[in-house]
Protein backbone atom coordinates (compact mmCIF):
# COMPACT_ATOMS: atom_id res chain seq x y z
CA MET A 1 -17.61 48.94 -34.99
CA VAL A 2 -15.36 46.88 -37.38
CA ARG A 3 -12.33 47.88 -35.70
CA VAL A 4 -13.79 46.99 -32.43
CA VAL A 5 -15.23 43.77 -33.31
CA ALA A 6 -11.69 42.81 -35.10
CA LEU A 7 -9.71 43.70 -32.01
CA ALA A 8 -12.16 41.74 -29.74
CA ALA A 9 -11.65 38.93 -31.92
CA CYS A 10 -7.91 39.27 -31.35
CA VAL A 11 -8.15 39.23 -27.57
CA VAL A 12 -10.09 36.09 -27.97
CA ALA A 13 -7.64 34.55 -29.93
CA LEU A 14 -4.98 35.64 -27.40
CA ALA A 15 -6.89 33.88 -24.38
CA ARG A 16 -7.42 30.64 -26.59
CA ALA A 17 -3.75 30.62 -27.38
CA ASN A 18 -2.57 31.37 -23.97
CA ALA A 19 -5.11 30.42 -21.25
CA ALA A 20 -4.43 32.29 -18.25
CA PRO A 21 -3.29 30.70 -14.87
CA VAL A 22 -5.03 31.07 -11.74
CA PHE A 23 -3.09 34.05 -9.86
CA ASP A 24 -3.92 36.13 -7.00
CA PRO A 25 -4.99 39.30 -8.09
CA LEU A 26 -3.33 40.91 -6.40
CA VAL A 27 35.18 44.55 -17.81
CA ASP A 28 35.63 46.90 -17.67
CA ALA A 29 36.70 46.70 -14.03
CA ALA A 30 39.54 49.21 -12.80
CA THR A 31 42.12 46.87 -13.34
CA ALA A 32 44.76 48.68 -11.10
CA ALA A 33 42.45 49.27 -8.28
CA VAL A 34 41.34 45.39 -8.43
CA ALA A 35 45.02 44.51 -8.56
CA SER A 36 45.65 46.18 -5.15
CA THR A 37 42.79 44.42 -3.66
CA PRO A 38 43.78 41.88 -1.14
CA PRO A 39 42.53 38.47 -1.87
CA ILE A 40 39.07 37.56 -0.60
CA SER A 41 39.07 35.84 2.73
CA LEU A 42 35.81 34.89 4.88
CA GLU A 43 37.59 34.17 7.80
CA ASN A 44 37.07 37.47 9.55
CA VAL A 45 33.58 38.05 8.03
CA PRO A 46 30.79 37.67 10.71
CA ILE A 47 27.99 35.37 9.77
CA PRO A 48 25.19 36.53 11.80
CA VAL A 49 22.23 34.90 13.56
CA PRO A 50 18.87 35.15 11.85
CA SER A 51 17.52 37.54 14.51
CA GLU A 52 19.58 40.25 12.93
CA ILE A 53 17.20 40.46 9.87
CA GLU A 54 15.19 43.52 9.80
CA ASP A 55 12.49 44.50 8.04
CA HIS A 56 13.40 47.86 7.33
CA PHE A 57 16.35 46.88 5.77
CA GLN A 58 16.49 47.78 1.86
CA PRO A 59 19.61 47.58 0.09
CA GLY A 60 20.72 50.41 -1.80
CA ASP A 61 20.25 50.14 -5.57
CA TYR A 62 20.26 52.93 -7.96
CA VAL A 63 19.97 51.31 -11.04
CA HIS A 64 16.12 50.92 -11.00
CA SER A 65 15.45 54.29 -9.27
CA PHE A 66 12.68 54.48 -12.15
CA GLU A 67 9.58 55.93 -10.22
CA SER A 68 6.01 55.47 -11.39
CA PRO A 69 4.04 58.35 -12.45
CA SER A 70 1.48 60.07 -9.84
CA PRO A 71 -1.70 57.98 -9.58
CA SER A 72 -3.43 60.94 -10.99
CA SER A 73 -1.80 60.59 -14.40
CA VAL A 74 -3.18 57.12 -14.80
CA PHE A 75 -6.42 56.40 -16.65
CA LEU A 76 -8.27 53.19 -15.43
CA SER A 77 -11.10 53.09 -17.97
CA SER A 78 -11.24 51.07 -21.19
CA GLN A 79 -13.10 51.74 -24.43
CA ALA A 80 -16.07 49.76 -25.27
CA GLY A 81 -15.37 46.56 -26.30
CA LEU A 82 -11.76 46.45 -25.91
CA PRO A 83 -9.68 44.53 -23.02
CA ASP A 84 -9.23 46.36 -19.86
CA PRO A 85 -5.38 47.73 -20.02
CA THR A 86 -5.19 47.20 -16.15
CA LYS A 87 -5.88 43.69 -16.34
CA GLU A 88 -2.86 41.30 -16.36
CA TYR A 89 -2.26 38.61 -18.76
CA TRP A 90 0.32 35.71 -18.90
CA PHE A 91 2.39 34.10 -21.60
CA ASN A 92 2.43 30.21 -20.30
CA ARG A 93 4.90 29.00 -22.54
CA GLN A 94 8.00 31.03 -21.76
CA LYS A 95 11.17 28.69 -21.72
CA VAL A 96 13.26 28.25 -18.38
CA ASP A 97 16.51 28.22 -20.52
CA HIS A 98 16.68 29.24 -24.26
CA THR A 99 20.31 27.83 -24.62
CA ASP A 100 19.46 24.37 -23.86
CA PRO A 101 17.20 22.94 -26.69
CA THR A 102 16.70 19.45 -24.54
CA ASN A 103 15.19 21.28 -21.51
CA ASN A 104 11.47 21.98 -22.07
CA SER A 105 10.74 23.35 -19.01
CA THR A 106 8.51 26.40 -19.29
CA TRP A 107 6.79 29.01 -16.92
CA ASN A 108 4.28 31.60 -16.77
CA GLN A 109 5.40 35.18 -17.82
CA ARG A 110 3.36 38.25 -16.63
CA PHE A 111 2.46 41.11 -19.37
CA HIS A 112 0.14 44.13 -19.69
CA PHE A 113 -1.34 45.62 -23.05
CA ASN A 114 -3.30 48.62 -23.92
CA MET A 115 -5.42 48.49 -27.46
CA ASN A 116 -7.32 51.58 -26.79
CA HIS A 117 -5.56 53.77 -29.20
CA TYR A 118 -4.33 51.03 -31.70
CA GLY A 119 -5.21 51.65 -35.42
CA GLY A 120 -5.50 48.16 -36.33
CA PRO A 121 -3.41 46.17 -38.85
CA GLY A 122 -0.53 47.76 -40.23
CA PHE A 123 0.01 50.31 -36.97
CA PRO A 124 3.18 49.49 -34.90
CA VAL A 125 3.51 47.96 -31.50
CA PHE A 126 5.62 49.43 -28.77
CA LEU A 127 7.08 47.22 -26.44
CA VAL A 128 7.90 48.40 -22.86
CA ILE A 129 10.65 46.30 -21.47
CA GLU A 130 10.66 45.91 -17.95
CA GLY A 131 13.78 45.80 -15.56
CA GLU A 132 14.54 44.74 -12.06
CA TRP A 133 11.51 46.05 -10.53
CA VAL A 134 7.73 44.94 -10.18
CA SER A 135 5.67 45.71 -13.31
CA SER A 136 2.16 47.32 -13.51
CA HIS A 137 -0.11 48.24 -15.88
CA ALA A 138 1.01 52.00 -15.46
CA SER A 139 3.58 51.18 -18.02
CA VAL A 140 0.85 50.75 -20.72
CA THR A 141 -1.65 53.25 -19.35
CA SER A 142 -0.11 56.21 -17.76
CA ASN A 143 -0.33 59.55 -19.37
CA GLY A 144 2.94 60.16 -17.12
CA TYR A 145 5.04 58.37 -19.26
CA PHE A 146 6.23 59.96 -22.69
CA PHE A 147 6.36 56.66 -24.53
CA ASN A 148 2.40 56.26 -23.86
CA GLN A 149 1.94 59.49 -25.37
CA LEU A 150 4.30 58.40 -28.55
CA ALA A 151 1.83 55.49 -28.78
CA LYS A 152 -1.01 57.41 -28.96
CA LYS A 153 0.37 59.67 -31.89
CA HIS A 154 1.25 56.46 -33.74
CA LYS A 155 -1.82 54.52 -32.94
CA ALA A 156 0.57 51.74 -31.66
CA LEU A 157 -0.56 48.76 -29.51
CA ILE A 158 1.59 48.94 -26.45
CA VAL A 159 2.64 45.94 -24.48
CA SER A 160 4.77 45.55 -21.42
CA LEU A 161 6.83 42.54 -20.45
CA GLU A 162 7.87 41.82 -17.10
CA HIS A 163 11.51 40.42 -16.42
CA ARG A 164 12.08 37.00 -15.36
CA PHE A 165 12.75 36.55 -11.63
CA TYR A 166 10.79 39.79 -10.75
CA GLY A 167 7.27 40.56 -9.90
CA LYS A 168 5.08 37.58 -10.42
CA SER A 169 6.95 36.32 -13.33
CA GLN A 170 8.90 33.63 -11.35
CA PRO A 171 10.24 30.58 -13.35
CA PHE A 172 10.63 28.88 -10.01
CA ALA A 173 9.28 28.59 -6.48
CA ASP A 174 12.05 30.42 -4.92
CA PHE A 175 15.34 32.10 -5.34
CA ALA A 176 17.77 28.96 -4.40
CA THR A 177 21.05 29.48 -5.73
CA PRO A 178 20.94 26.74 -8.37
CA ASN A 179 17.99 28.76 -9.96
CA MET A 180 19.66 31.76 -10.04
CA LYS A 181 21.82 30.60 -13.08
CA PHE A 182 18.92 31.23 -15.19
CA LEU A 183 18.64 35.14 -14.28
CA THR A 184 20.79 36.47 -17.12
CA SER A 185 20.21 39.58 -19.43
CA HIS A 186 20.96 36.78 -22.16
CA GLN A 187 17.83 34.63 -21.07
CA ALA A 188 16.07 37.76 -20.92
CA LEU A 189 16.55 39.06 -24.24
CA ALA A 190 15.49 35.52 -25.66
CA ASP A 191 12.13 35.87 -23.35
CA ILE A 192 11.51 39.17 -25.38
CA ALA A 193 12.04 37.18 -28.81
CA ASN A 194 9.89 34.20 -27.88
CA PHE A 195 7.05 36.34 -26.38
CA GLN A 196 7.06 38.67 -29.51
CA ASP A 197 6.52 35.59 -31.52
CA PHE A 198 3.58 34.34 -29.34
CA PHE A 199 2.13 37.84 -29.24
CA THR A 200 2.35 38.43 -32.83
CA GLY A 201 0.89 35.21 -33.70
CA ALA A 202 -1.77 35.30 -31.40
CA LEU A 203 -2.95 38.72 -32.40
CA ASP A 204 -2.29 38.26 -36.26
CA ILE A 205 -0.37 41.23 -36.60
CA LYS A 206 2.83 39.65 -38.59
CA ASN A 207 3.22 42.90 -40.72
CA ALA A 208 3.61 45.30 -37.69
CA LYS A 209 6.74 47.09 -36.81
CA TRP A 210 7.70 46.71 -33.31
CA VAL A 211 9.61 49.65 -31.41
CA ALA A 212 10.86 48.78 -27.96
CA MET A 213 11.94 50.88 -25.13
CA GLY A 214 13.31 50.77 -21.38
CA GLY A 215 15.05 52.86 -18.81
CA SER A 216 18.27 52.19 -16.89
CA TYR A 217 19.31 48.33 -17.02
CA ALA A 218 16.07 47.88 -19.26
CA GLY A 219 17.38 50.52 -21.36
CA ASN A 220 20.38 48.32 -21.66
CA LEU A 221 18.02 45.28 -22.56
CA ALA A 222 16.53 47.72 -25.34
CA ALA A 223 19.95 48.61 -27.06
CA TRP A 224 20.92 44.71 -26.68
CA VAL A 225 17.62 43.25 -27.85
CA LYS A 226 18.24 45.33 -31.13
CA LEU A 227 22.08 44.09 -31.15
CA LYS A 228 21.26 40.24 -30.72
CA TYR A 229 17.84 40.36 -32.65
CA PRO A 230 18.55 43.19 -35.19
CA THR A 231 15.62 42.36 -37.45
CA ARG A 232 12.83 42.14 -35.01
CA PHE A 233 12.63 45.76 -34.04
CA ALA A 234 12.51 48.55 -36.32
CA GLY A 235 14.54 50.48 -33.48
CA THR A 236 14.57 50.87 -29.83
CA TRP A 237 14.87 53.59 -27.31
CA ALA A 238 17.70 52.99 -24.59
CA SER A 239 17.16 55.85 -21.75
CA SER A 240 19.85 56.19 -19.24
CA ALA A 241 21.36 52.81 -20.08
CA PRO A 242 24.57 51.81 -18.26
CA VAL A 243 25.77 49.71 -21.15
CA ASN A 244 29.37 49.33 -20.12
CA ALA A 245 29.74 46.83 -17.05
CA LYS A 246 32.12 47.93 -14.38
CA VAL A 247 33.03 46.12 -11.06
CA ASP A 248 34.29 49.21 -9.28
CA PHE A 249 31.99 52.15 -10.62
CA TYR A 250 33.74 54.76 -8.53
CA GLU A 251 32.91 57.30 -10.98
CA PHE A 252 29.31 57.31 -9.51
CA SER A 253 30.50 59.15 -6.57
CA THR A 254 32.59 61.45 -8.58
CA HIS A 255 29.94 62.33 -10.64
CA VAL A 256 27.50 63.10 -7.63
CA SER A 257 30.08 65.28 -6.28
CA LYS A 258 30.50 67.15 -9.66
CA ALA A 259 26.45 67.26 -9.61
CA LEU A 260 26.75 69.23 -6.28
CA GLN A 261 29.31 71.39 -7.17
CA TYR A 262 27.34 72.33 -10.37
CA TYR A 263 24.44 73.43 -7.89
CA GLY A 264 26.14 74.98 -5.13
CA GLY A 265 29.98 75.65 -6.32
CA TYR A 266 33.22 74.27 -4.65
CA ALA A 267 31.93 75.29 -1.43
CA CYS A 268 28.89 72.78 -1.34
CA VAL A 269 31.48 70.21 -2.19
CA ALA A 270 33.94 71.17 0.44
CA ASN A 271 31.23 71.45 3.04
CA ILE A 272 29.76 67.88 2.64
CA GLN A 273 33.37 66.59 2.15
CA THR A 274 34.25 68.22 5.59
CA ALA A 275 31.54 66.67 7.09
CA LEU A 276 32.14 63.23 5.97
CA GLU A 277 35.88 63.66 7.01
CA ARG A 278 34.66 64.19 10.30
CA LEU A 279 32.13 61.18 10.28
CA GLN A 280 35.01 59.02 9.50
CA SER A 281 37.37 60.32 12.11
CA VAL A 282 34.52 59.73 14.71
CA MET A 283 33.94 56.22 13.44
CA VAL A 284 37.53 55.10 13.78
CA SER A 285 38.11 56.56 16.95
CA LYS A 286 37.70 54.73 20.52
CA GLU A 287 37.13 57.81 22.41
CA PRO A 288 34.01 57.38 24.48
CA THR A 289 33.06 60.85 23.49
CA ASP A 290 33.26 60.11 19.83
CA VAL A 291 31.27 56.90 20.30
CA ALA A 292 28.71 58.84 22.02
CA ARG A 293 28.49 61.60 19.57
CA LEU A 294 27.91 59.23 16.72
CA LYS A 295 25.03 57.65 18.48
CA GLU A 296 23.62 60.94 19.59
CA LEU A 297 23.48 62.31 15.78
CA PHE A 298 23.29 59.13 13.65
CA ASN A 299 21.54 56.65 15.83
CA PRO A 300 23.15 53.33 14.29
CA CYS A 301 20.52 50.60 14.61
CA TYR A 302 23.07 48.30 16.24
CA ASN A 303 26.08 48.33 17.95
CA PHE A 304 29.32 47.97 15.50
CA THR A 305 31.05 44.88 15.61
CA SER A 306 33.28 44.89 12.49
CA ASP A 307 34.55 47.10 9.94
CA GLN A 308 31.80 45.46 7.71
CA ASP A 309 29.11 47.12 9.77
CA ARG A 310 30.98 50.16 9.35
CA GLY A 311 30.95 49.77 5.48
CA VAL A 312 27.14 49.47 5.64
CA PHE A 313 26.60 52.37 7.86
CA GLN A 314 28.58 54.46 5.36
CA ARG A 315 26.72 53.16 2.37
CA GLU A 316 23.57 54.13 4.19
CA ILE A 317 24.91 57.47 4.53
CA TYR A 318 26.16 57.72 0.96
CA SER A 319 22.89 56.27 -0.61
CA LYS A 320 21.04 59.32 0.52
CA PHE A 321 23.17 61.53 -1.69
CA GLN A 322 23.01 58.73 -4.48
CA ARG A 323 19.02 58.88 -4.40
CA ALA A 324 19.20 62.74 -4.52
CA ALA A 325 21.34 62.54 -7.49
CA THR A 326 19.57 60.33 -9.63
CA SER A 327 15.87 61.97 -9.41
CA ASP A 328 17.18 65.26 -8.59
CA ASP A 329 14.19 67.07 -10.44
CA LEU A 330 11.48 64.27 -9.23
CA THR A 331 11.69 64.47 -5.48
CA SER A 332 11.57 67.13 -2.91
CA THR A 333 15.39 66.51 -1.90
CA THR A 334 17.34 68.18 -4.68
CA LEU A 335 20.86 68.69 -5.00
CA ALA A 336 20.43 72.49 -4.48
CA GLY A 337 18.60 71.97 -1.41
CA ILE A 338 21.60 70.12 0.09
CA CYS A 339 23.88 72.39 -0.63
CA HIS A 340 21.83 75.17 0.91
CA SER A 341 21.68 73.10 3.80
CA PHE A 342 25.08 72.45 4.39
CA ALA A 343 25.87 75.99 3.94
CA ASP A 344 24.03 76.87 7.34
CA PRO A 345 26.60 78.89 9.40
CA THR A 346 24.79 77.99 12.85
CA LEU A 347 25.82 74.11 12.76
CA GLN A 348 28.88 72.23 13.15
CA PRO A 349 29.70 69.97 9.86
CA LEU A 350 28.51 66.52 11.60
CA GLU A 351 25.52 68.29 12.76
CA LYS A 352 24.51 69.31 9.28
CA LEU A 353 25.13 65.90 7.97
CA SER A 354 22.95 64.39 11.14
CA ARG A 355 20.39 66.78 10.01
CA PHE A 356 20.23 65.76 6.30
CA ILE A 357 20.40 61.87 7.21
CA ASN A 358 17.85 62.14 9.77
CA HIS A 359 15.48 63.93 7.64
CA THR A 360 15.52 60.92 5.22
CA VAL A 361 15.68 58.16 7.59
CA ALA A 362 12.53 59.32 9.89
CA ALA A 363 10.60 56.20 8.99
CA ASN A 364 13.27 54.04 10.26
CA LYS A 365 14.46 56.15 13.08
CA CYS A 366 18.08 54.77 13.00
CA THR A 367 20.83 54.59 10.52
CA TYR A 368 21.02 51.18 9.17
CA ASN A 369 24.32 49.12 9.93
CA SER A 370 24.44 45.63 9.93
CA PHE A 371 26.49 43.74 7.56
CA GLY A 372 24.70 40.64 8.94
CA GLY A 373 21.43 41.83 8.24
CA MET A 374 22.75 42.84 4.84
CA PHE A 375 23.90 39.16 4.29
CA PHE A 376 20.80 37.65 5.31
CA GLN A 377 18.59 39.77 2.82
CA TYR A 378 20.60 39.17 0.03
CA ASN A 379 21.04 35.28 1.04
CA SER A 380 17.22 34.65 1.49
CA ARG A 381 15.81 32.19 -1.13
CA SER A 382 12.19 33.39 -0.21
CA ARG A 383 10.30 35.44 -2.95
CA PHE A 384 7.84 36.56 -0.20
CA VAL A 385 9.99 39.30 1.68
CA ARG A 386 9.61 42.87 2.00
CA ASN A 387 12.17 43.74 -0.75
CA PRO A 388 11.88 40.80 -3.22
CA VAL A 389 14.17 42.41 -6.00
CA ALA A 390 17.07 42.44 -3.74
CA ARG A 391 18.52 38.98 -3.94
CA PRO A 392 18.01 38.49 -7.74
CA TRP A 393 19.34 42.19 -8.62
CA PHE A 394 22.28 41.42 -6.50
CA TYR A 395 22.79 38.15 -8.39
CA GLN A 396 22.87 39.86 -11.52
CA ASN A 397 25.29 42.29 -10.73
CA CYS A 398 27.81 39.46 -9.34
CA ASN A 399 27.17 37.43 -12.22
CA GLU A 400 27.24 40.05 -14.99
CA PHE A 401 27.39 43.79 -14.13
CA GLY A 402 29.45 44.74 -11.20
CA TYR A 403 27.93 48.08 -10.62
CA GLY A 404 29.57 48.68 -7.18
CA GLN A 405 29.35 51.91 -5.99
CA ALA A 406 31.97 52.39 -3.66
CA THR A 407 33.54 55.76 -2.31
CA ASN A 408 36.96 54.80 -1.13
CA SER A 409 38.60 55.31 -4.84
CA GLY A 410 38.00 58.31 -7.04
CA TYR A 411 37.74 61.78 -5.94
CA GLY A 412 35.18 64.31 -4.60
CA ALA A 413 33.37 64.85 -1.62
CA PHE A 414 32.57 61.17 -0.81
CA VAL A 415 36.33 59.93 -0.71
CA PRO A 416 36.60 60.22 2.93
CA LEU A 417 33.71 57.23 3.33
CA GLN A 418 36.72 54.73 3.25
CA PHE A 419 34.80 51.70 4.69
CA ASN A 420 32.53 51.92 1.83
CA ASN A 421 34.64 49.95 -0.38
CA ILE A 422 34.39 47.41 -3.08
CA HIS A 423 35.98 44.57 -1.44
CA VAL A 424 33.32 44.58 1.22
CA GLN A 425 30.40 45.94 -0.88
CA THR A 426 30.42 43.55 -3.92
CA LYS A 427 33.42 41.01 -3.75
CA ILE A 428 32.79 39.53 0.02
CA LEU A 429 29.10 39.46 -0.34
CA CYS A 430 29.31 37.85 -3.95
CA ALA A 431 31.52 35.19 -2.34
CA ILE A 432 29.62 34.23 0.39
CA VAL A 433 26.15 34.58 -0.86
CA PHE A 434 26.52 33.16 -4.22
CA ASN A 435 29.79 31.46 -4.11
CA ILE A 436 30.89 34.06 -6.93
CA SER A 437 34.85 35.08 -6.48
CA ASN A 438 35.52 35.71 -10.14
CA VAL A 439 33.38 38.97 -10.24
CA ASP A 440 35.96 40.70 -12.51
CA THR A 441 36.08 37.96 -15.22
CA ARG A 442 32.39 37.73 -15.44
CA VAL A 443 31.80 41.50 -15.82
CA ALA A 444 34.48 41.37 -18.48
CA ASN A 445 32.65 38.77 -20.42
CA THR A 446 29.58 40.96 -20.49
CA ASN A 447 31.40 43.66 -22.03
CA LEU A 448 32.61 41.31 -24.65
CA ALA A 449 29.42 39.88 -25.26
CA TYR A 450 27.68 43.13 -25.92
CA GLY A 451 30.53 45.57 -26.81
CA GLY A 452 30.38 48.07 -23.77
CA LEU A 453 30.82 51.80 -24.90
CA ASN A 454 31.75 50.05 -28.31
CA ILE A 455 28.37 48.68 -28.97
CA ASN A 456 27.84 48.42 -32.82
CA VAL A 457 23.96 48.68 -33.08
CA GLU A 458 21.79 50.48 -35.60
CA ASN A 459 18.44 52.23 -35.14
CA VAL A 460 19.00 52.97 -31.28
CA VAL A 461 18.49 56.22 -29.51
CA PHE A 462 20.57 56.55 -26.50
CA SER A 463 19.20 59.21 -24.00
CA THR A 464 20.87 60.24 -20.92
CA GLY A 465 21.39 63.44 -18.75
CA THR A 466 24.48 65.22 -17.67
CA ASN A 467 23.17 65.14 -13.98
CA ASP A 468 22.57 61.29 -14.23
CA PRO A 469 25.51 59.71 -12.21
CA TRP A 470 25.23 56.78 -14.29
CA ASP A 471 26.14 58.27 -17.82
CA SER A 472 29.61 57.54 -17.03
CA LEU A 473 28.67 53.98 -17.96
CA ALA A 474 26.11 55.15 -20.60
CA LEU A 475 26.73 56.40 -24.32
CA THR A 476 27.05 60.63 -24.52
CA ASN A 477 28.15 63.12 -26.67
CA ASP A 478 31.75 62.30 -25.28
CA THR A 479 31.51 58.62 -26.28
CA GLY A 480 29.22 59.07 -29.31
CA THR A 481 28.09 56.21 -30.98
CA LEU A 482 29.98 53.42 -33.17
CA ASN A 483 27.32 53.08 -35.65
CA PRO A 484 26.36 56.22 -37.36
CA ARG A 485 22.49 54.95 -37.94
CA SER A 486 22.23 55.20 -33.89
CA THR A 487 22.08 58.30 -32.10
CA VAL A 488 22.74 59.98 -28.47
CA VAL A 489 20.65 62.51 -26.88
CA ASP A 490 22.49 63.71 -24.12
CA ILE A 491 20.19 66.22 -22.21
CA LEU A 492 21.86 68.94 -20.16
CA GLU A 493 20.96 69.04 -16.45
CA SER A 494 18.71 65.90 -16.81
CA SER A 495 18.73 63.09 -14.49
CA HIS A 496 18.17 59.33 -14.50
CA CYS A 497 15.62 58.23 -16.96
CA ARG A 498 13.91 61.92 -16.90
CA ASP A 499 13.25 61.96 -20.45
CA MET A 500 10.86 58.80 -20.14
CA TYR A 501 8.38 60.92 -18.33
CA SER A 502 5.92 62.97 -20.29
CA PRO A 503 6.66 66.52 -20.86
CA LYS A 504 5.59 69.22 -18.62
CA PRO A 505 4.98 72.94 -19.14
CA THR A 506 7.84 73.55 -16.50
CA ASP A 507 10.41 71.27 -18.25
CA SER A 508 13.54 73.40 -18.99
CA GLY A 509 14.41 74.03 -22.71
CA HIS A 510 17.05 71.36 -22.67
CA LEU A 511 14.58 68.48 -21.78
CA LYS A 512 12.01 69.96 -24.47
CA TRP A 513 14.86 69.64 -26.89
CA GLY A 514 15.54 66.09 -25.73
CA HIS A 515 12.07 64.96 -26.11
CA GLN A 516 11.94 66.17 -29.43
CA ARG A 517 15.19 64.35 -30.20
CA ILE A 518 13.70 61.11 -29.06
CA GLU A 519 10.40 61.68 -30.75
CA ALA A 520 12.15 62.35 -33.94
CA ALA A 521 14.19 59.36 -33.83
CA ILE A 522 11.12 57.07 -33.09
CA ASP A 523 9.25 58.60 -36.05
CA SER A 524 12.36 57.89 -38.20
CA PHE A 525 12.40 54.04 -37.00
CA LEU A 526 8.62 53.78 -38.12
CA LEU A 527 9.38 55.41 -41.68
CA ASP A 528 12.29 53.33 -42.56
């Protein structure tokens, strides 16, 4: 009873310190490749009319393919006398600009926290860093997340902090380009430090050890917050963190090709490559039979008016393989299943590809191919669109990370997709949407600031999976860690952020080993 009363008093103090506003409940840049790229010219880029905006358009983004656990794994009850962990809370005094001491503007940042397993003063605090997505209470309540199980083990208070410009954590009324300059990883890291001071003071937990964790881009932040604020956290866990920024991330397609070869042998790669070669041939052809064949098998949403449209179409085709590769053991579309489908001797190569693509775009009934629609999606200043993360995340890529996933360089099954190149996919769009024409320089500055693969930080456990295409930008067994007090957990046959999900009886021995190593690292952080 004493513990419950004390924790309830903490919540009252938190509420008084932070009265909630009213809200609805509701460069490393492939120098040779870049050097050979022609100068950016916007003369021939079609600027479409607004009617080309389509509700079903969802720009491909495979940094944040971090799925929530199934609803059955989420517990919604709260212990008597403790705050409901499904409720959202607000930090009212987050700074808009941490770099300008004369700027006193503040905004409201959303967070969730769960005290149901908290042991009281002296026990740790686990911070879940949210990335480029809409946060939810599942981050602090779901049994489906491994870090929540670790929080129970350590009797930790667990809190998650939504990233600025995502979800309900909005410093401005819209995404106007002048506002976007405040969306940087540096500002996000300072948000974490400022929030930590507030939360620590409000709950009077000054002696608590903090452990931060995040996956994908949020995994970057987990590593970087320990780098930039080394004394604030006992340690951090960075899962599938692409800490090495890169403009032309062609290795992604190469890795997907290798993963397909792992499950289906060279025959699988050859079958897919043959189908994509045939697709490229049909797309460059002006023969009426080829034009009709393309429409019959893939049903492009619109007529092709430019090579930019063709690039968007090929990006859409490629994205179906990307998604399977990043979440191979979490979805029904597996890499092994894809290989089996393309081995069907009863169909022609294009027919096999059509069957696979149509299976994944059934909800839309057509394959997206409008560069104009993509432009308007990224150019919309409104926060109230179907995909509100598209514009802010694309800005972060233009401004800091690159992460362009072209297919026309490198090697493997996807090289035939020549229209899906970095010039169209990233550089032209960054220029016309945000007036950013020096993406290479900005990405290089990111690696200078954080160290890229040579990051020198202690007490970070970097976990990744050999089946994760993002591991080319992450710390792995091949790269090791520059600082001997950090460690790499490179999990064989594991996909993107797979280790962040709770153990299951069906897990591979490799994944079980990975969970054990991660748990041991966090144990050691709290013992130091």
